[in-house]
């Protein structure tokens, strides 16, 4: 297996639908909206096994100060092979001149992954959201 990485947004609606549904994420049920959102994101690093999209990281940034890592996902059959870590390290290099790179893991069990890549839990941080589903 040879995984290639790119910031080229060459994925299709079907590619992202399949990837997001493979990890059980609701956004995969809205492939047109998901594809549009990814195409308008600041940065998307994607991981490919040939023509198969196997991983993706999405970043939203303000062009100078803050970059928010919004999605980090890898197809289950490719997890544990360092793909997510490779994509995160690419993001850290790209945004090394920014004051903050922030991530909000939706599950606390994922915090240790981010800590291994240099992120720290905010002392008084609280995640909040409004869901319109």
N, C-alpha and C. Protein backbone atom coordinates (compact mmCIF):
# COMPACT_ATOMS: atom_id res chain seq x y z
N UNK A 1 0.84 -1.18 0.00
CA UNK A 1 0.00 0.00 0.00
C UNK A 1 0.88 1.25 0.00
N UNK A 2 0.62 2.11 -0.95
CA UNK A 2 1.34 3.37 -1.04
C UNK A 2 0.31 4.50 -0.99
N UNK A 3 0.31 5.24 0.11
CA UNK A 3 -0.66 6.33 0.29
C UNK A 3 -0.04 7.62 -0.23
N UNK A 4 -0.79 8.35 -1.02
CA UNK A 4 -0.34 9.66 -1.48
C UNK A 4 -1.22 10.73 -0.84
N UNK A 5 -0.65 11.91 -0.66
CA UNK A 5 -1.33 13.03 0.00
C UNK A 5 -1.35 14.23 -0.92
N UNK A 6 -2.43 14.99 -0.87
CA UNK A 6 -2.53 16.17 -1.72
C UNK A 6 -3.42 17.22 -1.07
N UNK A 7 -3.19 18.47 -1.45
CA UNK A 7 -4.11 19.55 -1.10
C UNK A 7 -5.01 19.89 -2.28
N UNK A 8 -4.83 19.20 -3.40
CA UNK A 8 -5.71 19.39 -4.55
C UNK A 8 -7.09 18.85 -4.19
N UNK A 9 -8.11 19.63 -4.44
CA UNK A 9 -9.48 19.22 -4.09
C UNK A 9 -10.07 18.45 -5.27
N UNK A 10 -9.56 17.24 -5.48
CA UNK A 10 -9.96 16.43 -6.63
C UNK A 10 -10.97 15.36 -6.29
N UNK A 11 -11.49 15.37 -5.08
CA UNK A 11 -12.46 14.37 -4.64
C UNK A 11 -13.85 14.72 -5.19
N UNK A 12 -14.65 13.70 -5.40
CA UNK A 12 -16.02 13.89 -5.89
C UNK A 12 -17.00 13.83 -4.72
N UNK A 13 -18.26 14.14 -5.00
CA UNK A 13 -19.30 13.99 -3.99
C UNK A 13 -19.36 12.54 -3.51
N UNK A 14 -19.25 11.61 -4.43
CA UNK A 14 -19.29 10.19 -4.07
C UNK A 14 -18.11 9.81 -3.18
N UNK A 15 -16.93 10.33 -3.49
CA UNK A 15 -15.74 10.04 -2.68
C UNK A 15 -15.95 10.45 -1.23
N UNK A 16 -16.42 11.68 -1.03
CA UNK A 16 -16.57 12.17 0.34
C UNK A 16 -17.75 11.50 1.05
N UNK A 17 -18.80 11.23 0.32
CA UNK A 17 -19.94 10.51 0.90
C UNK A 17 -19.48 9.16 1.43
N UNK A 18 -18.76 8.42 0.62
CA UNK A 18 -18.28 7.09 1.02
C UNK A 18 -17.34 7.16 2.22
N UNK A 19 -16.41 8.12 2.22
CA UNK A 19 -15.46 8.27 3.32
C UNK A 19 -16.18 8.63 4.62
N UNK A 20 -17.04 9.62 4.59
CA UNK A 20 -17.70 10.08 5.81
C UNK A 20 -18.66 9.03 6.36
N UNK A 21 -19.38 8.33 5.48
CA UNK A 21 -20.28 7.28 5.94
C UNK A 21 -19.51 6.09 6.50
N UNK A 22 -18.29 5.86 6.00
CA UNK A 22 -17.49 4.72 6.49
C UNK A 22 -17.15 4.85 7.97
N UNK A 23 -17.11 6.09 8.48
CA UNK A 23 -16.83 6.30 9.90
C UNK A 23 -18.09 6.70 10.67
N UNK A 24 -19.24 6.63 10.00
CA UNK A 24 -20.51 6.87 10.66
C UNK A 24 -20.85 8.33 10.90
N UNK A 25 -20.26 9.24 10.13
CA UNK A 25 -20.53 10.66 10.34
C UNK A 25 -21.77 11.09 9.55
N UNK A 26 -22.68 11.77 10.22
CA UNK A 26 -23.95 12.20 9.65
C UNK A 26 -23.76 13.05 8.40
N UNK A 27 -22.71 13.86 8.37
CA UNK A 27 -22.49 14.75 7.23
C UNK A 27 -22.37 13.98 5.92
N UNK A 28 -22.03 12.71 5.98
CA UNK A 28 -21.96 11.88 4.78
C UNK A 28 -23.30 11.69 4.10
N UNK A 29 -24.38 11.95 4.83
CA UNK A 29 -25.73 11.82 4.26
C UNK A 29 -26.10 13.02 3.39
N UNK A 30 -25.23 14.02 3.39
CA UNK A 30 -25.48 15.24 2.62
C UNK A 30 -24.30 15.48 1.66
N UNK A 31 -24.08 14.59 0.71
CA UNK A 31 -22.86 14.66 -0.11
C UNK A 31 -22.71 15.96 -0.90
N UNK A 32 -23.80 16.53 -1.39
CA UNK A 32 -23.68 17.78 -2.14
C UNK A 32 -23.23 18.92 -1.24
N UNK A 33 -23.85 19.04 -0.08
CA UNK A 33 -23.48 20.10 0.86
C UNK A 33 -22.06 19.88 1.39
N UNK A 34 -21.73 18.63 1.69
CA UNK A 34 -20.40 18.30 2.20
C UNK A 34 -19.34 18.65 1.17
N UNK A 35 -19.55 18.24 -0.07
CA UNK A 35 -18.58 18.53 -1.14
C UNK A 35 -18.41 20.04 -1.31
N UNK A 36 -19.53 20.77 -1.32
CA UNK A 36 -19.46 22.24 -1.46
C UNK A 36 -18.67 22.85 -0.31
N UNK A 37 -18.94 22.38 0.92
CA UNK A 37 -18.23 22.91 2.09
C UNK A 37 -16.73 22.64 1.98
N UNK A 38 -16.36 21.45 1.57
CA UNK A 38 -14.95 21.10 1.44
C UNK A 38 -14.28 21.93 0.34
N UNK A 39 -14.98 22.14 -0.75
CA UNK A 39 -14.41 22.91 -1.86
C UNK A 39 -14.18 24.37 -1.46
N UNK A 40 -14.95 24.88 -0.50
CA UNK A 40 -14.80 26.26 -0.06
C UNK A 40 -13.99 26.39 1.23
N UNK A 41 -13.41 25.31 1.68
CA UNK A 41 -12.59 25.34 2.90
C UNK A 41 -11.21 25.90 2.58
N UNK A 42 -10.56 26.44 3.59
CA UNK A 42 -9.23 27.03 3.42
C UNK A 42 -8.24 25.98 2.92
N UNK A 43 -8.20 24.84 3.60
CA UNK A 43 -7.27 23.77 3.26
C UNK A 43 -7.95 22.43 3.47
N UNK A 44 -7.75 21.54 2.51
CA UNK A 44 -8.15 20.15 2.67
C UNK A 44 -6.96 19.30 2.26
N UNK A 45 -6.48 18.49 3.19
CA UNK A 45 -5.45 17.51 2.87
C UNK A 45 -6.17 16.18 2.75
N UNK A 46 -5.98 15.51 1.63
CA UNK A 46 -6.63 14.21 1.45
C UNK A 46 -5.57 13.14 1.23
N UNK A 47 -5.93 11.93 1.66
CA UNK A 47 -5.05 10.77 1.53
C UNK A 47 -5.70 9.79 0.56
N UNK A 48 -4.89 9.26 -0.34
CA UNK A 48 -5.40 8.40 -1.41
C UNK A 48 -4.61 7.10 -1.50
N UNK A 49 -5.33 6.02 -1.69
CA UNK A 49 -4.75 4.73 -2.04
C UNK A 49 -5.17 4.49 -3.48
N UNK A 50 -4.30 4.88 -4.41
CA UNK A 50 -4.67 4.87 -5.82
C UNK A 50 -5.76 5.89 -6.06
N UNK A 51 -6.92 5.42 -6.54
CA UNK A 51 -8.05 6.31 -6.81
C UNK A 51 -9.07 6.32 -5.68
N UNK A 52 -8.73 5.72 -4.54
CA UNK A 52 -9.65 5.63 -3.42
C UNK A 52 -9.29 6.64 -2.35
N UNK A 53 -10.25 7.50 -2.02
CA UNK A 53 -10.08 8.47 -0.93
C UNK A 53 -10.15 7.72 0.39
N UNK A 54 -9.06 7.74 1.16
CA UNK A 54 -9.02 6.97 2.41
C UNK A 54 -8.92 7.85 3.65
N UNK A 55 -8.64 9.13 3.49
CA UNK A 55 -8.52 10.01 4.64
C UNK A 55 -8.62 11.47 4.23
N UNK A 56 -8.94 12.32 5.22
CA UNK A 56 -9.13 13.73 4.92
C UNK A 56 -9.01 14.56 6.18
N UNK A 57 -8.39 15.73 6.05
CA UNK A 57 -8.35 16.75 7.10
C UNK A 57 -8.82 18.06 6.47
N UNK A 58 -9.74 18.72 7.16
CA UNK A 58 -10.26 20.00 6.69
C UNK A 58 -9.87 21.08 7.69
N UNK A 59 -9.40 22.23 7.17
CA UNK A 59 -9.01 23.36 8.01
C UNK A 59 -9.71 24.62 7.53
N UNK A 60 -10.20 25.39 8.48
CA UNK A 60 -10.76 26.72 8.21
C UNK A 60 -9.82 27.72 8.88
N UNK A 61 -9.40 28.74 8.14
CA UNK A 61 -8.47 29.71 8.74
C UNK A 61 -8.88 31.13 8.39
N UNK A 62 -8.30 32.07 9.16
CA UNK A 62 -8.58 33.49 8.94
C UNK A 62 -7.46 34.18 8.17
N UNK A 63 -6.53 33.44 7.65
CA UNK A 63 -5.42 33.87 6.81
C UNK A 63 -4.22 34.43 7.57
N UNK A 64 -4.29 34.52 8.90
CA UNK A 64 -3.16 35.10 9.62
C UNK A 64 -2.98 34.63 11.06
N UNK A 65 -4.07 34.45 11.77
CA UNK A 65 -3.97 34.22 13.21
C UNK A 65 -4.37 32.81 13.65
N UNK A 66 -5.53 32.34 13.19
CA UNK A 66 -6.10 31.10 13.71
C UNK A 66 -6.47 30.16 12.58
N UNK A 67 -6.10 28.91 12.76
CA UNK A 67 -6.51 27.83 11.85
C UNK A 67 -7.25 26.79 12.69
N UNK A 68 -8.47 26.47 12.28
CA UNK A 68 -9.28 25.48 12.99
C UNK A 68 -9.30 24.17 12.20
N UNK A 69 -8.80 23.12 12.82
CA UNK A 69 -8.88 21.80 12.22
C UNK A 69 -10.30 21.30 12.50
N UNK A 70 -11.06 21.08 11.45
CA UNK A 70 -12.47 20.75 11.64
C UNK A 70 -12.75 19.27 11.47
N UNK A 71 -12.25 18.64 10.44
CA UNK A 71 -12.44 17.20 10.22
C UNK A 71 -11.09 16.51 10.20
N UNK A 72 -11.00 15.36 10.83
CA UNK A 72 -9.87 14.45 10.67
C UNK A 72 -10.50 13.06 10.63
N UNK A 73 -10.44 12.41 9.49
CA UNK A 73 -11.03 11.09 9.40
C UNK A 73 -10.28 10.20 8.43
N UNK A 74 -10.28 8.90 8.76
CA UNK A 74 -9.62 7.88 7.95
C UNK A 74 -10.55 6.68 7.90
N UNK A 75 -10.71 6.09 6.73
CA UNK A 75 -11.54 4.89 6.60
C UNK A 75 -11.09 3.84 7.61
N UNK A 76 -12.02 3.15 8.22
CA UNK A 76 -11.68 2.17 9.27
C UNK A 76 -10.62 1.16 8.86
N UNK A 77 -10.68 0.66 7.65
CA UNK A 77 -9.70 -0.35 7.23
C UNK A 77 -8.30 0.21 7.02
N UNK A 78 -8.16 1.54 7.06
CA UNK A 78 -6.85 2.18 6.90
C UNK A 78 -6.36 2.80 8.21
N UNK A 79 -7.18 2.75 9.26
CA UNK A 79 -6.78 3.34 10.53
C UNK A 79 -5.64 2.55 11.16
N UNK A 80 -4.84 3.26 11.97
CA UNK A 80 -3.72 2.62 12.65
C UNK A 80 -2.46 2.52 11.81
N UNK A 81 -2.45 3.18 10.65
CA UNK A 81 -1.30 3.12 9.75
C UNK A 81 -0.57 4.45 9.65
N UNK A 82 -0.93 5.41 10.50
CA UNK A 82 -0.23 6.70 10.52
C UNK A 82 -0.75 7.72 9.54
N UNK A 83 -1.85 7.43 8.87
CA UNK A 83 -2.38 8.35 7.85
C UNK A 83 -2.87 9.65 8.48
N UNK A 84 -3.67 9.56 9.53
CA UNK A 84 -4.17 10.78 10.19
C UNK A 84 -3.01 11.61 10.73
N UNK A 85 -2.04 10.95 11.34
CA UNK A 85 -0.89 11.66 11.88
C UNK A 85 -0.09 12.38 10.80
N UNK A 86 0.08 11.73 9.65
CA UNK A 86 0.79 12.35 8.54
C UNK A 86 0.05 13.60 8.06
N UNK A 87 -1.27 13.50 7.97
CA UNK A 87 -2.05 14.66 7.51
C UNK A 87 -1.98 15.79 8.54
N UNK A 88 -2.05 15.48 9.82
CA UNK A 88 -1.96 16.52 10.86
C UNK A 88 -0.58 17.19 10.83
N UNK A 89 0.47 16.42 10.66
CA UNK A 89 1.81 17.02 10.59
C UNK A 89 1.94 17.94 9.38
N UNK A 90 1.31 17.59 8.26
CA UNK A 90 1.31 18.49 7.09
C UNK A 90 0.60 19.81 7.43
N UNK A 91 -0.51 19.71 8.15
CA UNK A 91 -1.25 20.91 8.56
C UNK A 91 -0.40 21.76 9.51
N UNK A 92 0.26 21.13 10.45
CA UNK A 92 1.11 21.88 11.40
C UNK A 92 2.20 22.63 10.66
N UNK A 93 2.81 22.00 9.65
CA UNK A 93 3.85 22.70 8.88
C UNK A 93 3.26 23.87 8.10
N UNK A 94 2.12 23.65 7.48
CA UNK A 94 1.51 24.71 6.67
C UNK A 94 1.15 25.92 7.51
N UNK A 95 0.70 25.69 8.74
CA UNK A 95 0.21 26.77 9.60
C UNK A 95 1.18 27.13 10.72
N UNK A 96 2.44 26.82 10.56
CA UNK A 96 3.40 27.05 11.63
C UNK A 96 3.59 28.53 11.96
N UNK A 97 3.25 29.44 11.06
CA UNK A 97 3.39 30.87 11.32
C UNK A 97 2.14 31.49 11.93
N UNK A 98 1.09 30.72 12.09
CA UNK A 98 -0.13 31.21 12.71
C UNK A 98 0.04 31.22 14.22
N UNK A 99 -0.69 32.09 14.90
CA UNK A 99 -0.62 32.16 16.36
C UNK A 99 -1.24 30.90 17.00
N UNK A 100 -2.34 30.42 16.42
CA UNK A 100 -3.03 29.25 16.97
C UNK A 100 -3.39 28.26 15.87
N UNK A 101 -3.25 26.99 16.18
CA UNK A 101 -3.89 25.92 15.42
C UNK A 101 -4.77 25.23 16.46
N UNK A 102 -6.07 25.23 16.21
CA UNK A 102 -7.00 24.69 17.19
C UNK A 102 -7.76 23.51 16.60
N UNK A 103 -8.13 22.60 17.49
CA UNK A 103 -8.95 21.45 17.11
C UNK A 103 -9.95 21.22 18.23
N UNK A 104 -11.14 20.77 17.85
CA UNK A 104 -12.16 20.45 18.84
C UNK A 104 -12.60 19.00 18.60
N UNK A 105 -11.91 18.05 19.21
CA UNK A 105 -12.32 16.65 19.02
C UNK A 105 -13.74 16.46 19.54
N UNK A 106 -14.56 15.79 18.74
CA UNK A 106 -15.94 15.58 19.17
C UNK A 106 -16.07 14.46 20.19
N UNK A 107 -15.05 13.65 20.31
CA UNK A 107 -15.05 12.58 21.30
C UNK A 107 -13.79 12.69 22.14
N UNK A 108 -13.95 12.67 23.45
CA UNK A 108 -12.79 12.84 24.34
C UNK A 108 -11.76 11.74 24.15
N UNK A 109 -12.17 10.57 23.68
CA UNK A 109 -11.22 9.47 23.47
C UNK A 109 -10.17 9.81 22.41
N UNK A 110 -10.45 10.82 21.58
CA UNK A 110 -9.50 11.20 20.53
C UNK A 110 -8.47 12.23 21.00
N UNK A 111 -8.62 12.75 22.21
CA UNK A 111 -7.70 13.78 22.70
C UNK A 111 -6.26 13.30 22.73
N UNK A 112 -6.02 12.05 23.08
CA UNK A 112 -4.64 11.56 23.17
C UNK A 112 -3.95 11.57 21.81
N UNK A 113 -4.69 11.33 20.75
CA UNK A 113 -4.12 11.42 19.39
C UNK A 113 -3.57 12.82 19.15
N UNK A 114 -4.37 13.83 19.46
CA UNK A 114 -3.95 15.21 19.23
C UNK A 114 -2.81 15.60 20.17
N UNK A 115 -2.84 15.13 21.39
CA UNK A 115 -1.74 15.40 22.32
C UNK A 115 -0.43 14.83 21.80
N UNK A 116 -0.47 13.68 21.18
CA UNK A 116 0.76 13.09 20.60
C UNK A 116 1.32 13.97 19.49
N UNK A 117 0.48 14.82 18.93
CA UNK A 117 0.91 15.71 17.84
C UNK A 117 1.09 17.15 18.32
N UNK A 118 1.21 17.34 19.64
CA UNK A 118 1.57 18.65 20.18
C UNK A 118 0.44 19.53 20.63
N UNK A 119 -0.80 19.10 20.50
CA UNK A 119 -1.93 19.90 20.96
C UNK A 119 -2.08 19.74 22.48
N UNK A 120 -2.64 20.75 23.12
CA UNK A 120 -2.86 20.73 24.56
C UNK A 120 -4.32 21.02 24.85
N UNK A 121 -4.85 20.40 25.87
CA UNK A 121 -6.22 20.67 26.27
C UNK A 121 -6.27 22.07 26.89
N UNK A 122 -7.23 22.87 26.44
CA UNK A 122 -7.37 24.24 26.95
C UNK A 122 -7.85 24.16 28.40
N UNK A 123 -7.25 24.96 29.26
CA UNK A 123 -7.56 24.89 30.69
C UNK A 123 -9.04 25.11 31.00
N UNK A 124 -9.66 26.06 30.36
CA UNK A 124 -11.05 26.36 30.67
C UNK A 124 -11.89 26.35 29.41
N UNK A 125 -11.51 25.52 28.44
CA UNK A 125 -12.24 25.46 27.18
C UNK A 125 -13.51 24.64 27.29
N UNK A 126 -14.55 25.08 26.60
CA UNK A 126 -15.82 24.36 26.57
C UNK A 126 -16.31 24.35 25.12
N UNK A 127 -16.57 23.17 24.60
CA UNK A 127 -17.09 23.05 23.25
C UNK A 127 -18.59 23.32 23.26
N UNK A 128 -19.07 24.09 22.27
CA UNK A 128 -20.49 24.40 22.18
C UNK A 128 -20.89 24.40 20.72
N UNK A 129 -22.17 24.08 20.44
CA UNK A 129 -22.63 24.11 19.06
C UNK A 129 -24.15 24.20 19.03
N UNK A 130 -24.67 24.62 17.88
CA UNK A 130 -26.09 24.56 17.56
C UNK A 130 -26.21 23.59 16.40
N UNK A 131 -27.11 22.64 16.48
CA UNK A 131 -27.30 21.65 15.41
C UNK A 131 -28.62 21.92 14.73
N UNK A 132 -28.58 22.09 13.42
CA UNK A 132 -29.78 22.30 12.62
C UNK A 132 -29.99 21.08 11.72
N UNK A 133 -30.28 19.95 12.30
CA UNK A 133 -30.47 18.74 11.49
C UNK A 133 -31.90 18.28 11.54
